[in-house]
Amino acid sequence: MLETYLQDLAEVVNLDCGSANCEGVTKVANIMKRHFDSIGFATELVDLGPKAGKGLFATNKPGAEKFDIMFNAHLDTVFPDGTAAARPFKVEDGKVTGPGCADCKAGVIAIFHALKNARKEDLDRLAIAVCYNPDEEISSLSSREWLQQMASKCKRAIVCEPGRATGAFVRSRKGRSVWNVVVHGVAAHAGNNPQDGRSAVLAAAHLTIAITNLQDLEGKGTSVTVGVIEGGTVCNTVPEKCTLKIDTRCWNDEDGREIDEGIEALAKQNWGDGITVDATRVSKSPAMPCTDATKELVEMVNRAAKEEGYEATWVDAGGGSDANRIAQVGVPVIDGVAPAGAGFHSEREYLRVDTIENRVRTLSRVLQYL
């Protein structure tokens, strides 16, 4: 199985398929359609609009309205055209390298091989949905509605982003909000009449401290990061405008709402005569909590891993993925249950060969417990 897996992986790694390369992403979708057709699954290329390549839906039970499990991985990478030729697929010293080899091509191929090698009685008994989307690396803007629609038909979901370098899987992920806050002041000459100015930068500095104080790192595990401050034009002018770009993270959506409401409330406060503040939430990704239903799925993976000869370990991750969007519709979901790797989104990306077979077999074995 390992040799065939690596051959299939090489084919998709050696294609440029950055999120903006709709043709390249669609080529990967067609390759996976060919694979699933070969094992008797019903397949459909999914048109998600002009800004994304095609997605792929595959199932062993065409016509099913409900599914016992959904498998998801994404077809796109972060790399520009030409990267596949510059850094092609390679296996050396127990590691696979090449653009997207781990994130997320390893998971794309792992799902197929897990179902290809699954027991016939499990495939006969279960309704399985496979959803490959084309734009996760740009927040699944074109595919999130489709993913959530499909997830709402499923009892549970496994997202096959790569496992951590340690081999650990992901049982929960933080939710995230991104804010743009613009502080408006009054410009004035810094030498002739500074008293007539109202510094947007100074007000933004006070506001930055207040916004940062909304976080609770040690208690709720929430964070608020003012990552970018842009203000002023030249040093001899009292600055008229200053922009803050803010990232917030939370383990559950209620805490996220609390922070969002806090930012909105601070924006309405008085930050000085002549100062106004506009706060806009640019994006929001829901949290992926570890619920009781999630814990049941975790235990299934633990049991499957033990029968495959290793102990599954788990992490709670600060970063997000499509698992967050799937969790939003109330479906228990786990993530990172694919072969392990590291260096994602960089030329240092690699996949651990020693985690390929046992992870694929773990996915196959989980079907026995559903």
Protein backbone atom coordinates (compact mmCIF):
# COMPACT_ATOMS: atom_id res chain seq x y z
CA MET A 1 0.00 0.00 0.00
CA LEU A 2 2.83 2.42 0.82
CA GLU A 3 4.32 2.21 -2.66
CA THR A 4 0.96 2.86 -4.34
CA TYR A 5 0.18 5.68 -1.90
CA LEU A 6 3.46 7.42 -2.71
CA GLN A 7 2.84 7.07 -6.44
CA ASP A 8 -0.59 8.65 -6.08
CA LEU A 9 0.82 11.37 -3.85
CA ALA A 10 3.57 12.22 -6.34
CA GLU A 11 1.02 12.78 -9.10
CA VAL A 12 -0.83 15.51 -7.19
CA VAL A 13 2.22 17.09 -5.54
CA ASN A 14 3.82 17.62 -8.95
CA LEU A 15 0.97 19.87 -10.07
CA ASP A 16 0.79 23.61 -9.40
CA CYS A 17 -2.51 24.09 -7.58
CA GLY A 18 -2.37 27.27 -5.56
CA SER A 19 -5.80 28.55 -4.55
CA ALA A 20 -5.87 31.09 -7.40
CA ASN A 21 -4.87 28.48 -10.00
CA CYS A 22 -8.38 27.23 -10.73
CA GLU A 23 -7.18 25.05 -13.60
CA GLY A 24 -4.54 23.34 -11.46
CA VAL A 25 -6.92 22.72 -8.57
CA THR A 26 -9.49 21.28 -10.99
CA LYS A 27 -6.82 18.93 -12.38
CA VAL A 28 -6.33 17.54 -8.88
CA ALA A 29 -10.10 17.16 -8.49
CA ASN A 30 -10.22 15.20 -11.74
CA ILE A 31 -7.37 12.94 -10.62
CA MET A 32 -9.22 12.13 -7.42
CA LYS A 33 -12.45 11.61 -9.37
CA ARG A 34 -10.60 9.01 -11.45
CA HIS A 35 -9.38 7.28 -8.30
CA PHE A 36 -12.81 7.11 -6.66
CA ASP A 37 -14.43 6.01 -9.91
CA SER A 38 -11.97 3.10 -9.94
CA ILE A 39 -13.27 1.76 -6.60
CA GLY A 40 -16.94 2.09 -7.52
CA PHE A 41 -17.81 5.33 -5.74
CA ALA A 42 -20.23 7.75 -7.37
CA THR A 43 -18.43 11.03 -8.07
CA GLU A 44 -19.34 14.57 -9.02
CA LEU A 45 -17.22 17.62 -9.77
CA VAL A 46 -18.71 20.54 -7.83
CA ASP A 47 -18.86 24.00 -9.40
CA LEU A 48 -18.30 26.55 -6.64
CA GLY A 49 -18.15 29.67 -8.76
CA PRO A 50 -15.61 31.52 -10.90
CA LYS A 51 -13.15 32.31 -8.10
CA ALA A 52 -12.30 28.69 -7.25
CA GLY A 53 -11.39 25.45 -8.95
CA LYS A 54 -13.81 22.55 -8.89
CA GLY A 55 -14.51 20.62 -5.72
CA LEU A 56 -15.19 16.89 -5.63
CA PHE A 57 -17.97 14.92 -3.97
CA ALA A 58 -17.67 11.13 -3.80
CA THR A 59 -19.89 8.60 -2.07
CA ASN A 60 -20.43 4.88 -1.83
CA LYS A 61 -24.21 5.43 -1.51
CA PRO A 62 -25.47 7.66 -4.33
CA GLY A 63 -28.84 9.14 -3.55
CA ALA A 64 -28.33 9.01 0.22
CA GLU A 65 -29.87 11.92 2.11
CA LYS A 66 -27.93 11.25 5.33
CA PHE A 67 -24.38 9.99 5.86
CA ASP A 68 -22.72 8.18 8.73
CA ILE A 69 -19.45 10.04 8.24
CA MET A 70 -17.93 12.81 6.16
CA PHE A 71 -14.27 12.90 5.19
CA ASN A 72 -12.81 16.24 4.14
CA ALA A 73 -9.48 17.54 2.83
CA HIS A 74 -8.60 20.46 0.58
CA LEU A 75 -7.15 20.38 -2.91
CA ASP A 76 -5.36 23.75 -2.98
CA THR A 77 -1.96 24.89 -1.71
CA VAL A 78 -0.42 28.27 -0.88
CA PHE A 79 2.36 28.01 -3.47
CA PRO A 80 2.71 30.07 -6.67
CA ASP A 81 2.88 28.61 -10.15
CA GLY A 82 6.30 27.15 -10.94
CA THR A 83 6.87 25.72 -7.46
CA ALA A 84 6.08 22.14 -8.50
CA ALA A 85 8.78 22.26 -11.17
CA ALA A 86 11.26 23.97 -8.85
CA ARG A 87 10.68 21.60 -5.91
CA PRO A 88 9.16 18.37 -7.27
CA PHE A 89 8.06 15.38 -5.20
CA LYS A 90 10.97 13.59 -3.52
CA VAL A 91 11.39 10.86 -0.91
CA GLU A 92 14.62 10.98 1.07
CA ASP A 93 15.70 10.00 4.60
CA GLY A 94 12.21 8.95 5.61
CA LYS A 95 10.60 12.21 4.49
CA VAL A 96 8.51 13.29 1.51
CA THR A 97 9.08 16.82 0.25
CA GLY A 98 7.37 18.94 -2.39
CA PRO A 99 4.73 21.71 -2.37
CA GLY A 100 1.68 20.66 -0.39
CA CYS A 101 3.03 17.16 0.23
CA ALA A 102 1.67 17.28 3.78
CA ASP A 103 -0.77 20.21 3.65
CA CYS A 104 -3.00 18.86 2.38
CA LYS A 105 -2.15 16.32 -0.34
CA ALA A 106 -1.24 13.67 2.23
CA GLY A 107 -4.79 13.83 3.61
CA VAL A 108 -6.40 13.90 0.16
CA ILE A 109 -4.63 10.66 -0.77
CA ALA A 110 -5.04 9.11 2.70
CA ILE A 111 -8.84 9.35 2.51
CA PHE A 112 -8.87 7.57 -0.83
CA HIS A 113 -6.56 4.77 0.30
CA ALA A 114 -8.47 4.34 3.57
CA LEU A 115 -11.69 3.78 1.63
CA LYS A 116 -9.98 1.72 -1.05
CA ASN A 117 -8.71 -0.64 1.66
CA ALA A 118 -11.81 -0.58 3.87
CA ARG A 119 -13.70 -3.78 4.60
CA LYS A 120 -16.52 -4.53 2.19
CA GLU A 121 -18.97 -5.07 5.03
CA ASP A 122 -18.26 -1.55 6.34
CA LEU A 123 -18.74 0.02 2.92
CA ASP A 124 -21.98 -1.93 2.46
CA ARG A 125 -23.29 -0.92 5.89
CA LEU A 126 -22.31 2.76 5.98
CA ALA A 127 -23.12 5.83 3.90
CA ILE A 128 -19.88 7.76 3.44
CA ALA A 129 -19.43 11.27 2.04
CA VAL A 130 -16.08 12.54 0.76
CA CYS A 131 -15.85 16.29 0.19
CA TYR A 132 -12.71 17.80 -1.30
CA ASN A 133 -12.86 21.59 -1.50
CA PRO A 134 -10.65 23.84 -3.63
CA ASP A 135 -9.96 26.96 -1.54
CA GLU A 136 -9.26 26.24 2.13
CA GLU A 137 -6.03 28.22 2.02
CA ILE A 138 -8.05 31.38 1.35
CA SER A 139 -10.62 30.64 4.07
CA SER A 140 -12.89 28.51 1.84
CA LEU A 141 -14.70 31.63 0.70
CA SER A 142 -16.32 29.86 -2.26
CA SER A 143 -16.78 26.43 -0.66
CA ARG A 144 -17.74 27.02 2.97
CA GLU A 145 -21.49 27.07 2.27
CA TRP A 146 -21.23 23.79 0.36
CA LEU A 147 -19.13 22.19 3.11
CA GLN A 148 -21.60 23.21 5.78
CA GLN A 149 -24.54 22.03 3.69
CA MET A 150 -22.89 18.63 3.27
CA ALA A 151 -21.82 18.45 6.92
CA SER A 152 -25.40 19.06 8.05
CA LYS A 153 -26.31 15.73 6.41
CA CYS A 154 -23.60 13.81 8.32
CA LYS A 155 -23.52 12.32 11.81
CA ARG A 156 -19.80 13.04 12.27
CA ALA A 157 -16.79 14.28 10.32
CA ILE A 158 -13.06 13.71 10.04
CA VAL A 159 -10.90 16.41 8.47
CA CYS A 160 -7.62 15.12 7.12
CA GLU A 161 -5.31 18.06 7.54
CA PRO A 162 -1.82 16.72 8.36
CA GLY A 163 -1.00 15.44 11.81
CA ARG A 164 1.52 17.39 13.86
CA ALA A 165 5.26 16.66 13.53
CA THR A 166 4.97 14.66 16.76
CA GLY A 167 2.22 12.57 15.17
CA ALA A 168 -0.52 14.16 17.28
CA PHE A 169 -4.06 14.68 15.99
CA VAL A 170 -6.31 17.71 16.64
CA ARG A 171 -9.40 17.46 18.86
CA SER A 172 -10.30 21.17 19.05
CA ARG A 173 -9.45 24.46 17.36
CA LYS A 174 -9.87 28.08 18.34
CA GLY A 175 -12.33 30.36 16.65
CA ARG A 176 -11.07 33.60 15.16
CA SER A 177 -12.26 37.11 14.34
CA VAL A 178 -10.37 39.70 12.32
CA TRP A 179 -11.12 43.41 12.85
CA ASN A 180 -10.17 46.64 11.12
CA VAL A 181 -10.43 49.64 13.45
CA VAL A 182 -9.91 53.12 11.99
CA VAL A 183 -9.27 56.05 14.33
CA HIS A 184 -9.98 59.50 12.89
CA GLY A 185 -8.42 62.65 14.34
CA VAL A 186 -7.70 66.19 13.19
CA ALA A 187 -4.58 67.12 11.23
CA ALA A 188 -2.49 70.16 12.17
CA HIS A 189 1.03 71.50 11.64
CA ALA A 190 3.34 70.05 14.26
CA GLY A 191 5.27 73.30 14.62
CA ASN A 192 2.87 76.17 14.00
CA ASN A 193 -0.34 74.96 15.67
CA PRO A 194 -0.07 71.47 17.20
CA GLN A 195 -2.69 72.48 19.76
CA ASP A 196 -5.30 72.54 16.99
CA GLY A 197 -4.63 68.91 16.07
CA ARG A 198 -6.10 65.74 17.51
CA SER A 199 -3.68 62.83 17.14
CA ALA A 200 -5.27 59.67 15.77
CA VAL A 201 -2.04 57.80 16.59
CA LEU A 202 -2.15 58.81 20.25
CA ALA A 203 -5.80 57.82 20.54
CA ALA A 204 -5.06 54.54 18.77
CA ALA A 205 -2.28 53.81 21.27
CA HIS A 206 -4.69 54.16 24.19
CA LEU A 207 -7.28 52.12 22.31
CA THR A 208 -4.71 49.37 21.60
CA ILE A 209 -4.10 48.92 25.33
CA ALA A 210 -7.82 48.79 26.08
CA ILE A 211 -8.54 46.30 23.29
CA THR A 212 -5.64 44.05 24.34
CA ASN A 213 -7.03 44.00 27.89
CA LEU A 214 -10.10 42.17 26.55
CA GLN A 215 -8.05 38.96 26.34
CA ASP A 216 -7.86 36.32 29.09
CA LEU A 217 -4.82 34.21 28.29
CA GLU A 218 -4.64 32.28 31.55
CA GLY A 219 -8.35 31.89 32.29
CA LYS A 220 -10.54 31.47 29.23
CA GLY A 221 -7.55 31.07 26.92
CA THR A 222 -8.67 33.96 24.73
CA SER A 223 -6.20 36.21 22.94
CA VAL A 224 -6.49 39.62 21.30
CA THR A 225 -3.57 40.70 19.14
CA VAL A 226 -3.23 44.15 17.60
CA GLY A 227 -0.92 42.94 14.86
CA VAL A 228 -0.70 46.01 12.62
CA ILE A 229 -0.79 49.76 13.37
CA GLU A 230 -0.63 52.20 10.46
CA GLY A 231 -0.90 55.91 11.14
CA GLY A 232 0.26 59.32 10.03
CA THR A 233 1.92 60.51 6.86
CA VAL A 234 4.91 62.71 7.79
CA CYS A 235 6.50 63.47 11.15
CA ASN A 236 5.72 67.22 11.10
CA THR A 237 1.95 66.73 10.96
CA VAL A 238 -0.40 65.74 13.77
CA PRO A 239 -1.76 62.47 12.35
CA GLU A 240 -5.34 62.53 11.13
CA LYS A 241 -5.83 58.76 10.73
CA CYS A 242 -4.59 55.53 12.27
CA THR A 243 -5.67 51.96 11.43
CA LEU A 244 -5.49 48.92 13.70
CA LYS A 245 -5.70 45.35 12.40
CA ILE A 246 -6.72 42.93 15.12
CA ASP A 247 -6.78 39.12 15.48
CA THR A 248 -8.87 37.49 18.22
CA ARG A 249 -8.92 33.79 19.20
CA CYS A 250 -11.26 31.79 21.47
CA TRP A 251 -11.98 28.19 22.45
CA ASN A 252 -15.76 28.68 22.27
CA ASP A 253 -18.06 31.01 20.36
CA GLU A 254 -19.55 32.59 23.49
CA ASP A 255 -16.16 33.93 24.53
CA GLY A 256 -15.61 35.13 20.97
CA ARG A 257 -18.88 37.06 21.03
CA GLU A 258 -17.83 38.66 24.31
CA ILE A 259 -14.61 39.96 22.76
CA ASP A 260 -16.39 41.17 19.61
CA GLU A 261 -18.92 43.05 21.71
CA GLY A 262 -16.06 44.49 23.76
CA ILE A 263 -14.33 45.85 20.67
CA GLU A 264 -17.60 47.40 19.46
CA ALA A 265 -18.20 48.99 22.88
CA LEU A 266 -14.67 50.44 23.04
CA ALA A 267 -15.09 51.92 19.56
CA LYS A 268 -18.13 53.87 20.81
CA GLN A 269 -16.31 55.36 23.79
CA ASN A 270 -14.94 58.89 23.89
CA TRP A 271 -11.23 58.81 23.01
CA GLY A 272 -10.82 62.57 23.01
CA ASP A 273 -12.30 65.74 21.58
CA GLY A 274 -12.49 65.47 17.80
CA ILE A 275 -11.66 61.72 17.77
CA THR A 276 -14.00 59.19 16.16
CA VAL A 277 -13.57 55.44 15.75
CA ASP A 278 -14.96 53.04 13.13
CA ALA A 279 -14.72 49.31 13.94
CA THR A 280 -15.46 46.67 11.30
CA ARG A 281 -15.27 42.91 11.74
CA VAL A 282 -13.70 41.67 8.50
CA SER A 283 -14.13 37.94 9.04
CA LYS A 284 -15.21 35.39 11.62
CA SER A 285 -14.40 31.70 11.90
CA PRO A 286 -16.29 29.68 14.54
CA ALA A 287 -14.59 27.64 17.22
CA MET A 288 -14.25 23.86 16.95
CA PRO A 289 -14.91 22.77 20.54
CA CYS A 290 -14.19 19.37 22.02
CA THR A 291 -17.75 18.32 22.88
CA ASP A 292 -18.93 15.05 24.42
CA ALA A 293 -19.84 13.84 20.92
CA THR A 294 -16.35 14.80 19.72
CA LYS A 295 -14.83 12.80 22.58
CA GLU A 296 -16.68 9.68 21.35
CA LEU A 297 -15.02 10.13 17.95
CA VAL A 298 -11.65 10.70 19.64
CA GLU A 299 -12.07 7.42 21.50
CA MET A 300 -12.83 5.59 18.25
CA VAL A 301 -9.57 6.87 16.79
CA ASN A 302 -7.71 5.97 20.00
CA ARG A 303 -9.02 2.42 19.76
CA ALA A 304 -8.20 2.14 16.06
CA ALA A 305 -4.70 3.50 16.60
CA LYS A 306 -4.02 1.03 19.41
CA GLU A 307 -5.07 -1.85 17.18
CA GLU A 308 -2.65 -0.50 14.55
CA GLY A 309 0.19 -0.59 17.07
CA TYR A 310 0.56 3.00 18.29
CA GLU A 311 -0.91 5.37 20.87
CA ALA A 312 -2.87 8.29 19.46
CA THR A 313 -2.06 11.66 21.01
CA TRP A 314 -4.07 14.86 20.69
CA VAL A 315 -3.57 18.62 20.76
CA ASP A 316 -5.85 21.64 21.05
CA ALA A 317 -4.85 23.99 18.23
CA GLY A 318 -4.93 27.77 18.08
CA GLY A 319 -5.17 27.85 14.29
CA GLY A 320 -8.29 27.19 12.25
CA SER A 321 -9.30 24.97 9.33
CA ASP A 322 -12.43 23.75 7.58
CA ALA A 323 -13.12 21.72 10.72
CA ASN A 324 -14.18 25.00 12.37
CA ARG A 325 -16.75 25.62 9.65
CA ILE A 326 -18.03 22.04 9.87
CA ALA A 327 -18.34 22.32 13.67
CA GLN A 328 -20.50 25.42 13.26
CA VAL A 329 -23.42 23.30 12.04
CA GLY A 330 -23.25 21.16 15.19
CA VAL A 331 -21.46 18.14 13.75
CA PRO A 332 -18.82 16.44 15.95
CA VAL A 333 -15.53 16.73 14.09
CA ILE A 334 -11.86 15.92 14.59
CA ASP A 335 -8.93 17.11 12.53
CA GLY A 336 -5.32 16.40 11.64
CA VAL A 337 -6.01 12.67 11.32
CA ALA A 338 -3.69 12.26 8.34
CA PRO A 339 -0.01 11.33 8.05
CA ALA A 340 2.17 13.69 10.07
CA GLY A 341 4.42 16.45 8.87
CA ALA A 342 5.75 19.94 9.52
CA GLY A 343 7.03 23.10 7.86
CA PHE A 344 3.66 23.78 6.25
CA HIS A 345 3.41 26.76 3.86
CA SER A 346 7.18 26.85 3.38
CA GLU A 347 9.94 25.22 1.34
CA ARG A 348 10.77 23.24 4.51
CA GLU A 349 7.47 21.33 4.36
CA TYR A 350 7.80 17.57 4.78
CA LEU A 351 5.72 14.45 5.38
CA ARG A 352 6.85 11.63 7.68
CA VAL A 353 6.84 8.38 5.70
CA ASP A 354 6.67 6.31 8.89
CA THR A 355 3.20 7.71 9.66
CA ILE A 356 1.57 6.98 6.30
CA GLU A 357 0.48 3.33 6.52
CA ASN A 358 -0.71 3.34 10.13
CA ARG A 359 -2.72 6.55 9.67
CA VAL A 360 -4.42 5.23 6.55
CA ARG A 361 -5.23 1.96 8.29
CA THR A 362 -6.51 3.88 11.32
CA LEU A 363 -9.00 5.72 9.11
CA SER A 364 -10.14 2.41 7.59
CA ARG A 365 -10.49 0.80 11.01
CA VAL A 366 -12.60 3.67 12.45
CA LEU A 367 -15.33 2.65 10.01
CA GLN A 368 -15.70 -0.64 11.90
CA TYR A 369 -16.81 1.21 15.04
CA LEU A 370 -19.49 3.43 13.45
